[in-house]
Amino acid sequence: MNWNLWIRQFHRWVSILFTVIVLAIFATLGLGREPAEWVYYLPLPPLFLLTFSGLYMFFRPYFRKRGSANVA
C-alpha cells in the first residue's frame, strides 16, 4: 500500500474514533449523568493524531510541487 494512501486511511479511521468518543460523551451528558473527569480527556489523543495527519495531507501537495520543479 502506498504511504500516502495509508496516511489518508489512518486519518479516516481516527476521525471516526474521535467522533464516536465525542458523541458518547454528549450522549452521557444528555442522559443526565456526569461522567468521571478523565472521560473528558479521551478525545485528546485522537485529536493530536488527526492534527499531525491532517497537516501532512494539507502540506503534501505543496512539497510535491516544489520537489517536481527542482527535478525538471
Protein backbone atom coordinates (compact mmCIF):
# COMPACT_ATOMS: atom_id res chain seq x y z
CA MET A 1 0.00 0.00 0.00
CA ASN A 2 1.19 3.47 -0.84
CA TRP A 3 2.40 5.57 2.12
CA ASN A 4 0.07 8.48 1.24
CA LEU A 5 -2.92 6.16 0.98
CA TRP A 6 -2.04 4.65 4.36
CA ILE A 7 -1.95 8.11 5.99
CA ARG A 8 -5.31 9.00 4.43
CA GLN A 9 -6.91 5.74 5.60
CA PHE A 10 -5.43 6.20 9.08
CA HIS A 11 -6.87 9.74 9.21
CA ARG A 12 -10.33 8.47 8.26
CA TRP A 13 -10.42 5.77 10.94
CA VAL A 14 -9.07 8.03 13.66
CA SER A 15 -11.66 10.66 12.75
CA ILE A 16 -14.40 8.04 13.17
CA LEU A 17 -12.96 7.09 16.56
CA PHE A 18 -12.80 10.75 17.61
CA THR A 19 -16.41 11.34 16.54
CA VAL A 20 -17.66 8.27 18.41
CA ILE A 21 -15.88 9.34 21.61
CA VAL A 22 -17.28 12.88 21.45
CA LEU A 23 -20.80 11.62 20.69
CA ALA A 24 -20.59 9.18 23.61
CA ILE A 25 -19.63 11.99 25.96
CA PHE A 26 -22.51 14.17 24.76
CA ALA A 27 -24.94 11.24 25.00
CA THR A 28 -23.83 10.59 28.56
CA LEU A 29 -24.36 14.24 29.42
CA GLY A 30 -27.76 14.18 27.68
CA LEU A 31 -28.88 11.31 29.88
CA GLY A 32 -28.23 13.45 32.93
CA ARG A 33 -25.19 11.53 34.09
CA GLU A 34 -21.96 13.23 34.99
CA PRO A 35 -19.05 11.12 33.68
CA ALA A 36 -15.75 10.88 35.51
CA GLU A 37 -13.42 13.77 34.92
CA TRP A 38 -10.88 11.66 32.98
CA VAL A 39 -13.51 10.87 30.33
CA TYR A 40 -13.24 14.43 29.04
CA TYR A 41 -9.58 13.77 28.16
CA LEU A 42 -10.36 10.74 25.96
CA PRO A 43 -10.75 12.75 22.71
CA LEU A 44 -7.32 14.35 23.05
CA PRO A 45 -5.05 11.51 21.76
CA PRO A 46 -7.11 11.02 18.56
CA LEU A 47 -7.26 14.79 18.14
CA PHE A 48 -3.46 15.07 18.23
CA LEU A 49 -3.16 12.23 15.71
CA LEU A 50 -5.71 13.95 13.47
CA THR A 51 -3.77 17.19 13.71
CA PHE A 52 -0.50 15.66 12.53
CA SER A 53 -2.00 13.51 9.79
CA GLY A 54 -4.18 16.42 8.62
CA LEU A 55 -1.23 18.78 8.47
CA TYR A 56 0.73 16.18 6.49
CA MET A 57 -2.09 15.81 3.97
CA PHE A 58 -2.56 19.59 3.76
CA PHE A 59 1.08 20.39 3.00
CA ARG A 60 1.84 17.33 0.86
CA PRO A 61 0.79 18.94 -2.48
CA TYR A 62 3.00 21.97 -1.83
CA PHE A 63 6.06 19.82 -1.17
CA ARG A 64 5.32 17.68 -4.22
CA LYS A 65 5.17 20.75 -6.49
CA ARG A 66 8.40 22.11 -5.07
CA GLY A 67 10.16 18.76 -5.48
CA SER A 68 8.98 18.26 -9.06
CA ALA A 69 10.07 21.78 -10.04
CA ASN A 70 13.60 21.06 -8.84
CA VAL A 71 13.82 17.81 -10.82
CA ALA A 72 12.74 19.30 -14.15
